[in-house]
Structures are given as structure tokens and as C-alpha cells.
Amino acid sequence: MTAVSHEITVQTRGDGDVLDLTAQVTGFVDSTGVGSGIVVVAVVGSTAGVTTIEYEPGLVADLRKAFDRVAPSGVAYEHDSRWGDGNGHAHVRASMLGPSLTLPVVQGKVELGTWQQVVLVDFDTRPRTRRVVIQVLGE
């Protein structure tokens, strides 16, 4: 069993910015030589998350609108009362999405559907530099 890790840094605009990480993830998996296993993609921080979507402008807009409905900004959050930073909605959204994603690696390739991309969603209220850890486990 092999475990290989890699870290990338991405710049976001915050406020629901969605970044396509697919090329970085698949490129790293390809470079490891692992034929069978899993790849874990994890963002470090509590106001961003990782998932898969069809990365196209319509669905990106739909995803943002869905999070606006579920955990809107501009309403009272206990976190904001305690810390005064105004990003309580970002923490709630990120915890709902989750900080990581696990995908299978089969015959040396990440198993993704034709229209499925790995994305990072930054919910914070300002631009951020995000660290993303990509770890491949397998043989």
C-alpha cells in the first residue's frame, strides 16, 4: 500500500466562488503511478468545502442560489454574535458541504463521470488563499 500526498494553493474570490480542481487532482493521481486505490481531496479551513458538480456556469449559479436559500447571508448567526466577523453563514454552508471528497482510482485514473468535475467552493466573505491536500492511497 502506497500513500502519497501533495498540496496545492489556490486563490479564491470568496462569496461562493467555485474553482475547478479536476486537472490538479487527476494530474497528481496520474503522476503517482497508483493503479488501484482512492484519492482524497481536502480543503484546509472551516469556510470552504469540496464536492463534484458539472462545472458549467448554469449549475455553478444554481449551486450558489441553493446555498443562499439554505443558509442565507445577512441574517443573525450566533457565530457572528460571538466573533463579529460576519461569516457565520460561510461556516454553516461549509459544514453542510464538507471539507473533503473521496474518489476511486481504477486502472490508474480517477473515476469521474463525463460531466463530473472536482470543485472547491469558498463560502467566506472575502478572497482567500486556500490550501488543498490531495492524498492518494493504493497500489
N, C-alpha and C. Protein backbone atom coordinates (compact mmCIF):
# COMPACT_ATOMS: atom_id res chain seq x y z
N MET A 1 0.85 -1.18 0.00
CA MET A 1 0.00 0.00 0.00
C MET A 1 0.89 1.24 0.00
N THR A 2 0.59 2.14 -0.90
CA THR A 2 1.32 3.39 -1.04
C THR A 2 0.42 4.54 -0.60
N ALA A 3 0.99 5.52 0.07
CA ALA A 3 0.28 6.75 0.40
C ALA A 3 1.17 7.91 -0.04
N VAL A 4 0.64 8.74 -0.91
CA VAL A 4 1.39 9.87 -1.44
C VAL A 4 0.52 11.12 -1.30
N SER A 5 1.11 12.19 -0.76
CA SER A 5 0.36 13.43 -0.56
C SER A 5 0.97 14.57 -1.34
N HIS A 6 0.12 15.51 -1.69
CA HIS A 6 0.52 16.70 -2.44
C HIS A 6 -0.37 17.84 -1.97
N GLU A 7 0.18 19.03 -1.92
CA GLU A 7 -0.60 20.19 -1.53
C GLU A 7 -0.59 21.22 -2.65
N ILE A 8 -1.75 21.79 -2.93
CA ILE A 8 -1.84 22.89 -3.89
C ILE A 8 -2.39 24.11 -3.16
N THR A 9 -2.11 25.26 -3.69
CA THR A 9 -2.64 26.51 -3.15
C THR A 9 -3.43 27.19 -4.25
N VAL A 10 -4.64 27.63 -3.92
CA VAL A 10 -5.49 28.32 -4.89
C VAL A 10 -5.96 29.63 -4.29
N GLN A 11 -6.15 30.60 -5.15
CA GLN A 11 -6.67 31.91 -4.74
C GLN A 11 -8.15 31.96 -5.09
N THR A 12 -8.98 32.35 -4.15
CA THR A 12 -10.42 32.46 -4.39
C THR A 12 -10.87 33.90 -4.25
N ARG A 13 -12.08 34.14 -4.74
CA ARG A 13 -12.70 35.46 -4.57
C ARG A 13 -13.64 35.48 -3.37
N GLY A 14 -13.86 34.33 -2.71
CA GLY A 14 -14.81 34.26 -1.60
C GLY A 14 -16.23 34.35 -2.11
N ASP A 15 -17.19 34.45 -1.18
CA ASP A 15 -18.59 34.67 -1.51
C ASP A 15 -19.18 33.63 -2.47
N GLY A 16 -18.87 32.36 -2.25
CA GLY A 16 -19.42 31.30 -3.10
C GLY A 16 -18.62 31.00 -4.33
N ASP A 17 -17.39 31.49 -4.40
CA ASP A 17 -16.52 31.23 -5.56
C ASP A 17 -16.33 29.72 -5.71
N VAL A 18 -16.48 29.23 -6.93
CA VAL A 18 -16.33 27.80 -7.24
C VAL A 18 -15.15 27.64 -8.19
N LEU A 19 -14.18 26.83 -7.77
CA LEU A 19 -12.97 26.60 -8.58
C LEU A 19 -12.89 25.13 -9.00
N ASP A 20 -12.58 24.90 -10.25
CA ASP A 20 -12.42 23.55 -10.79
C ASP A 20 -11.01 23.06 -10.46
N LEU A 21 -10.92 21.99 -9.69
CA LEU A 21 -9.64 21.40 -9.30
C LEU A 21 -9.34 20.11 -10.04
N THR A 22 -10.17 19.75 -10.99
CA THR A 22 -10.06 18.44 -11.64
C THR A 22 -8.69 18.19 -12.24
N ALA A 23 -8.15 19.14 -12.97
CA ALA A 23 -6.85 18.94 -13.63
C ALA A 23 -5.74 18.70 -12.61
N GLN A 24 -5.77 19.45 -11.50
CA GLN A 24 -4.73 19.25 -10.47
C GLN A 24 -4.86 17.89 -9.82
N VAL A 25 -6.11 17.47 -9.55
CA VAL A 25 -6.32 16.17 -8.90
C VAL A 25 -5.94 15.03 -9.83
N THR A 26 -6.45 15.03 -11.05
CA THR A 26 -6.16 13.93 -11.97
C THR A 26 -4.69 13.91 -12.37
N GLY A 27 -4.10 15.08 -12.52
CA GLY A 27 -2.68 15.15 -12.85
C GLY A 27 -1.81 14.56 -11.76
N PHE A 28 -2.15 14.85 -10.51
CA PHE A 28 -1.37 14.29 -9.41
C PHE A 28 -1.55 12.78 -9.33
N VAL A 29 -2.79 12.31 -9.44
CA VAL A 29 -3.02 10.86 -9.41
C VAL A 29 -2.23 10.18 -10.53
N ASP A 30 -2.27 10.73 -11.72
CA ASP A 30 -1.50 10.17 -12.84
C ASP A 30 -0.02 10.06 -12.51
N SER A 31 0.51 11.08 -11.82
CA SER A 31 1.95 11.13 -11.53
C SER A 31 2.39 10.12 -10.48
N THR A 32 1.45 9.59 -9.69
CA THR A 32 1.83 8.69 -8.60
C THR A 32 2.10 7.27 -9.07
N GLY A 33 1.52 6.87 -10.19
CA GLY A 33 1.67 5.50 -10.64
C GLY A 33 0.77 4.51 -9.91
N VAL A 34 -0.10 5.01 -9.02
CA VAL A 34 -1.04 4.13 -8.31
C VAL A 34 -2.09 3.65 -9.31
N GLY A 35 -2.27 2.33 -9.36
CA GLY A 35 -3.22 1.75 -10.31
C GLY A 35 -4.60 1.54 -9.74
N SER A 36 -4.66 1.24 -8.44
CA SER A 36 -5.93 0.94 -7.80
C SER A 36 -5.91 1.47 -6.38
N GLY A 37 -6.94 2.26 -6.03
CA GLY A 37 -7.00 2.82 -4.68
C GLY A 37 -8.02 3.92 -4.59
N ILE A 38 -7.69 4.94 -3.81
CA ILE A 38 -8.57 6.09 -3.64
C ILE A 38 -7.75 7.38 -3.64
N VAL A 39 -8.42 8.46 -3.97
CA VAL A 39 -7.83 9.78 -3.83
C VAL A 39 -8.75 10.59 -2.92
N VAL A 40 -8.14 11.25 -1.96
CA VAL A 40 -8.86 12.13 -1.05
C VAL A 40 -8.44 13.56 -1.36
N VAL A 41 -9.43 14.45 -1.51
CA VAL A 41 -9.18 15.86 -1.75
C VAL A 41 -9.78 16.61 -0.57
N ALA A 42 -8.98 17.39 0.14
CA ALA A 42 -9.46 18.08 1.35
C ALA A 42 -8.98 19.51 1.38
N VAL A 43 -9.90 20.44 1.64
CA VAL A 43 -9.53 21.84 1.81
C VAL A 43 -9.28 22.08 3.29
N VAL A 44 -8.24 22.82 3.59
CA VAL A 44 -7.89 23.16 4.96
C VAL A 44 -8.61 24.46 5.31
N GLY A 45 -9.48 24.41 6.30
CA GLY A 45 -10.23 25.60 6.71
C GLY A 45 -11.69 25.26 6.94
N SER A 46 -12.39 26.14 7.65
CA SER A 46 -13.77 25.84 8.05
C SER A 46 -14.82 26.68 7.32
N THR A 47 -14.41 27.39 6.26
CA THR A 47 -15.39 28.16 5.49
C THR A 47 -15.34 27.82 4.00
N ALA A 48 -14.86 26.64 3.68
CA ALA A 48 -14.83 26.17 2.29
C ALA A 48 -15.11 24.67 2.30
N GLY A 49 -15.51 24.15 1.15
CA GLY A 49 -15.79 22.73 1.02
C GLY A 49 -15.39 22.21 -0.34
N VAL A 50 -15.47 20.88 -0.50
CA VAL A 50 -15.09 20.22 -1.74
C VAL A 50 -16.21 19.26 -2.13
N THR A 51 -16.53 19.23 -3.43
CA THR A 51 -17.55 18.31 -3.94
C THR A 51 -17.30 18.07 -5.42
N THR A 52 -18.24 17.39 -6.07
CA THR A 52 -18.21 17.26 -7.52
C THR A 52 -19.49 17.86 -8.08
N ILE A 53 -19.36 18.50 -9.24
CA ILE A 53 -20.51 19.02 -9.97
C ILE A 53 -20.17 18.99 -11.45
N GLU A 54 -21.17 19.25 -12.27
CA GLU A 54 -20.89 19.56 -13.66
C GLU A 54 -20.51 21.03 -13.67
N TYR A 55 -19.25 21.31 -13.90
CA TYR A 55 -18.73 22.66 -13.77
C TYR A 55 -19.06 23.46 -15.02
N GLU A 56 -20.25 24.05 -15.01
CA GLU A 56 -20.69 24.92 -16.10
C GLU A 56 -21.43 26.09 -15.46
N PRO A 57 -21.47 27.25 -16.10
CA PRO A 57 -21.99 28.47 -15.45
C PRO A 57 -23.39 28.34 -14.88
N GLY A 58 -24.28 27.64 -15.55
CA GLY A 58 -25.64 27.49 -15.05
C GLY A 58 -25.69 26.74 -13.74
N LEU A 59 -24.98 25.62 -13.66
CA LEU A 59 -25.01 24.82 -12.44
C LEU A 59 -24.24 25.52 -11.32
N VAL A 60 -23.17 26.20 -11.64
CA VAL A 60 -22.44 26.97 -10.62
C VAL A 60 -23.38 28.01 -10.01
N ALA A 61 -24.16 28.71 -10.84
CA ALA A 61 -25.13 29.69 -10.34
C ALA A 61 -26.21 29.01 -9.51
N ASP A 62 -26.69 27.85 -9.97
CA ASP A 62 -27.72 27.12 -9.22
C ASP A 62 -27.20 26.70 -7.85
N LEU A 63 -25.96 26.25 -7.78
CA LEU A 63 -25.37 25.83 -6.50
C LEU A 63 -25.30 27.01 -5.55
N ARG A 64 -24.85 28.15 -6.04
CA ARG A 64 -24.79 29.36 -5.19
C ARG A 64 -26.17 29.73 -4.68
N LYS A 65 -27.17 29.71 -5.55
CA LYS A 65 -28.54 30.06 -5.15
C LYS A 65 -29.09 29.08 -4.11
N ALA A 66 -28.76 27.80 -4.27
CA ALA A 66 -29.23 26.79 -3.30
C ALA A 66 -28.65 27.08 -1.92
N PHE A 67 -27.37 27.40 -1.84
CA PHE A 67 -26.78 27.72 -0.54
C PHE A 67 -27.33 29.03 0.01
N ASP A 68 -27.64 29.98 -0.85
CA ASP A 68 -28.27 31.23 -0.40
C ASP A 68 -29.63 30.95 0.26
N ARG A 69 -30.36 29.98 -0.27
CA ARG A 69 -31.67 29.64 0.30
C ARG A 69 -31.53 28.89 1.62
N VAL A 70 -30.57 28.00 1.69
CA VAL A 70 -30.43 27.14 2.87
C VAL A 70 -29.77 27.86 4.04
N ALA A 71 -28.73 28.62 3.77
CA ALA A 71 -28.01 29.34 4.83
C ALA A 71 -27.69 30.75 4.33
N PRO A 72 -28.70 31.62 4.34
CA PRO A 72 -28.53 32.95 3.75
C PRO A 72 -27.55 33.83 4.53
N SER A 73 -26.91 34.73 3.81
CA SER A 73 -26.12 35.75 4.48
C SER A 73 -27.08 36.86 4.90
N GLY A 74 -26.63 37.73 5.77
CA GLY A 74 -27.46 38.86 6.17
C GLY A 74 -28.51 38.54 7.21
N VAL A 75 -28.49 37.34 7.76
CA VAL A 75 -29.38 37.01 8.89
C VAL A 75 -28.50 36.73 10.11
N ALA A 76 -29.12 36.71 11.28
CA ALA A 76 -28.36 36.54 12.52
C ALA A 76 -27.84 35.11 12.68
N TYR A 77 -26.56 35.00 12.97
CA TYR A 77 -25.93 33.73 13.33
C TYR A 77 -25.24 33.91 14.67
N GLU A 78 -25.31 32.92 15.53
CA GLU A 78 -24.65 33.00 16.83
C GLU A 78 -23.14 33.22 16.69
N HIS A 79 -22.56 32.60 15.67
CA HIS A 79 -21.13 32.77 15.42
C HIS A 79 -20.78 34.24 15.22
N ASP A 80 -21.62 34.96 14.47
CA ASP A 80 -21.37 36.38 14.24
C ASP A 80 -21.48 37.18 15.53
N SER A 81 -22.43 36.80 16.38
CA SER A 81 -22.58 37.49 17.67
C SER A 81 -21.35 37.30 18.54
N ARG A 82 -20.79 36.11 18.48
CA ARG A 82 -19.63 35.80 19.32
C ARG A 82 -18.34 36.42 18.79
N TRP A 83 -18.13 36.36 17.45
CA TRP A 83 -16.86 36.77 16.88
C TRP A 83 -16.92 38.08 16.10
N GLY A 84 -18.11 38.49 15.68
CA GLY A 84 -18.26 39.76 14.98
C GLY A 84 -17.65 39.80 13.59
N ASP A 85 -17.42 38.64 12.98
CA ASP A 85 -16.75 38.63 11.68
C ASP A 85 -17.72 38.49 10.49
N GLY A 86 -19.00 38.31 10.77
CA GLY A 86 -20.00 38.31 9.70
C GLY A 86 -19.97 37.13 8.75
N ASN A 87 -19.28 36.05 9.12
CA ASN A 87 -19.21 34.91 8.20
C ASN A 87 -19.84 33.64 8.78
N GLY A 88 -20.80 33.82 9.67
CA GLY A 88 -21.49 32.65 10.24
C GLY A 88 -22.13 31.79 9.16
N HIS A 89 -22.71 32.44 8.15
CA HIS A 89 -23.32 31.67 7.05
C HIS A 89 -22.27 30.84 6.30
N ALA A 90 -21.06 31.36 6.18
CA ALA A 90 -19.98 30.63 5.49
C ALA A 90 -19.61 29.36 6.24
N HIS A 91 -19.56 29.44 7.56
CA HIS A 91 -19.26 28.25 8.36
C HIS A 91 -20.37 27.20 8.25
N VAL A 92 -21.62 27.66 8.29
CA VAL A 92 -22.74 26.73 8.18
C VAL A 92 -22.73 26.05 6.81
N ARG A 93 -22.56 26.84 5.76
CA ARG A 93 -22.54 26.27 4.40
C ARG A 93 -21.41 25.26 4.23
N ALA A 94 -20.23 25.62 4.70
CA ALA A 94 -19.07 24.72 4.56
C ALA A 94 -19.28 23.42 5.33
N SER A 95 -19.87 23.52 6.50
CA SER A 95 -20.09 22.29 7.28
C SER A 95 -21.13 21.40 6.61
N MET A 96 -22.07 22.00 5.89
CA MET A 96 -23.06 21.21 5.17
C MET A 96 -22.45 20.51 3.95
N LEU A 97 -21.57 21.20 3.26
CA LEU A 97 -20.93 20.61 2.08
C LEU A 97 -19.86 19.61 2.48
N GLY A 98 -19.05 19.94 3.45
CA GLY A 98 -17.98 19.06 3.92
C GLY A 98 -16.64 19.46 3.35
N PRO A 99 -15.57 19.24 4.12
CA PRO A 99 -14.24 19.69 3.71
C PRO A 99 -13.49 18.76 2.78
N SER A 100 -14.03 17.54 2.54
CA SER A 100 -13.26 16.59 1.75
C SER A 100 -14.15 15.73 0.86
N LEU A 101 -13.46 15.06 -0.05
CA LEU A 101 -14.11 14.20 -1.03
C LEU A 101 -13.19 13.01 -1.27
N THR A 102 -13.76 11.83 -1.36
CA THR A 102 -13.01 10.62 -1.67
C THR A 102 -13.54 10.02 -2.96
N LEU A 103 -12.61 9.71 -3.88
CA LEU A 103 -12.98 9.14 -5.18
C LEU A 103 -12.14 7.89 -5.45
N PRO A 104 -12.69 6.93 -6.17
CA PRO A 104 -11.92 5.74 -6.51
C PRO A 104 -10.89 6.01 -7.62
N VAL A 105 -9.79 5.30 -7.53
CA VAL A 105 -8.79 5.27 -8.59
C VAL A 105 -8.80 3.86 -9.15
N VAL A 106 -9.10 3.75 -10.44
CA VAL A 106 -9.22 2.45 -11.11
C VAL A 106 -8.35 2.48 -12.36
N GLN A 107 -7.48 1.50 -12.49
CA GLN A 107 -6.55 1.42 -13.62
C GLN A 107 -5.80 2.73 -13.81
N GLY A 108 -5.38 3.31 -12.69
CA GLY A 108 -4.53 4.49 -12.71
C GLY A 108 -5.24 5.81 -12.95
N LYS A 109 -6.56 5.79 -13.06
CA LYS A 109 -7.33 7.01 -13.35
C LYS A 109 -8.39 7.27 -12.28
N VAL A 110 -8.63 8.55 -12.01
CA VAL A 110 -9.71 8.92 -11.10
C VAL A 110 -11.03 8.64 -11.80
N GLU A 111 -11.92 7.92 -11.12
CA GLU A 111 -13.22 7.58 -11.70
C GLU A 111 -14.16 8.77 -11.57
N LEU A 112 -14.33 9.48 -12.67
CA LEU A 112 -15.25 10.62 -12.76
C LEU A 112 -16.14 10.43 -13.97
N GLY A 113 -17.38 10.85 -13.86
CA GLY A 113 -18.29 10.80 -14.98
C GLY A 113 -17.90 11.83 -16.03
N THR A 114 -18.47 11.70 -17.20
CA THR A 114 -18.16 12.59 -18.32
C THR A 114 -18.30 14.05 -17.96
N TRP A 115 -19.34 14.39 -17.21
CA TRP A 115 -19.61 15.79 -16.87
C TRP A 115 -19.39 16.05 -15.38
N GLN A 116 -18.49 15.32 -14.76
CA GLN A 116 -18.26 15.43 -13.32
C GLN A 116 -16.87 15.99 -13.05
N GLN A 117 -16.82 17.14 -12.39
CA GLN A 117 -15.55 17.75 -12.04
C GLN A 117 -15.44 17.91 -10.52
N VAL A 118 -14.21 17.92 -10.04
CA VAL A 118 -13.91 18.15 -8.63
C VAL A 118 -13.79 19.66 -8.43
N VAL A 119 -14.56 20.19 -7.47
CA VAL A 119 -14.55 21.63 -7.25
C VAL A 119 -14.37 21.97 -5.78
N LEU A 120 -13.79 23.14 -5.56
CA LEU A 120 -13.71 23.76 -4.25
C LEU A 120 -14.71 24.91 -4.25
N VAL A 121 -15.47 25.02 -3.17
CA VAL A 121 -16.41 26.14 -3.02
C VAL A 121 -15.97 26.93 -1.79
N ASP A 122 -15.64 28.20 -2.00
CA ASP A 122 -15.23 29.08 -0.90
C ASP A 122 -16.41 29.95 -0.51
N PHE A 123 -16.89 29.77 0.71
CA PHE A 123 -18.06 30.48 1.19
C PHE A 123 -17.71 31.74 1.99
N ASP A 124 -16.44 31.97 2.28
CA ASP A 124 -16.09 33.09 3.15
C ASP A 124 -16.47 34.43 2.51
N THR A 125 -16.43 35.47 3.29
CA THR A 125 -16.89 36.79 2.87
C THR A 125 -15.82 37.61 2.16
N ARG A 126 -14.66 37.03 1.97
CA ARG A 126 -13.56 37.77 1.35
C ARG A 126 -12.68 36.82 0.55
N PRO A 127 -11.86 37.35 -0.35
CA PRO A 127 -10.90 36.49 -1.07
C PRO A 127 -9.98 35.78 -0.07
N ARG A 128 -9.61 34.57 -0.43
CA ARG A 128 -8.75 33.76 0.44
C ARG A 128 -7.73 33.00 -0.39
N THR A 129 -6.61 32.69 0.24
CA THR A 129 -5.66 31.74 -0.30
C THR A 129 -5.96 30.43 0.41
N ARG A 130 -6.32 29.41 -0.36
CA ARG A 130 -6.74 28.13 0.21
C ARG A 130 -5.71 27.05 -0.05
N ARG A 131 -5.46 26.26 0.98
CA ARG A 131 -4.60 25.08 0.84
C ARG A 131 -5.50 23.86 0.64
N VAL A 132 -5.16 23.06 -0.36
CA VAL A 132 -5.90 21.84 -0.67
C VAL A 132 -4.91 20.69 -0.64
N VAL A 133 -5.22 19.68 0.15
CA VAL A 133 -4.37 18.48 0.24
C VAL A 133 -4.99 17.40 -0.62
N ILE A 134 -4.17 16.80 -1.46
CA ILE A 134 -4.59 15.68 -2.31
C ILE A 134 -3.76 14.47 -1.86
N GLN A 135 -4.42 13.42 -1.44
CA GLN A 135 -3.72 12.24 -0.98
C GLN A 135 -4.21 11.01 -1.73
N VAL A 136 -3.27 10.25 -2.26
CA VAL A 136 -3.60 9.03 -2.99
C VAL A 136 -3.15 7.83 -2.14
N LEU A 137 -4.07 6.89 -1.96
CA LEU A 137 -3.78 5.66 -1.23
C LEU A 137 -4.08 4.49 -2.13
N GLY A 138 -3.15 3.60 -2.28
CA GLY A 138 -3.41 2.43 -3.14
C GLY A 138 -2.15 1.70 -3.50
N GLU A 139 -2.27 0.94 -4.57
CA GLU A 139 -1.12 0.15 -5.04
C GLU A 139 -1.08 0.09 -6.55
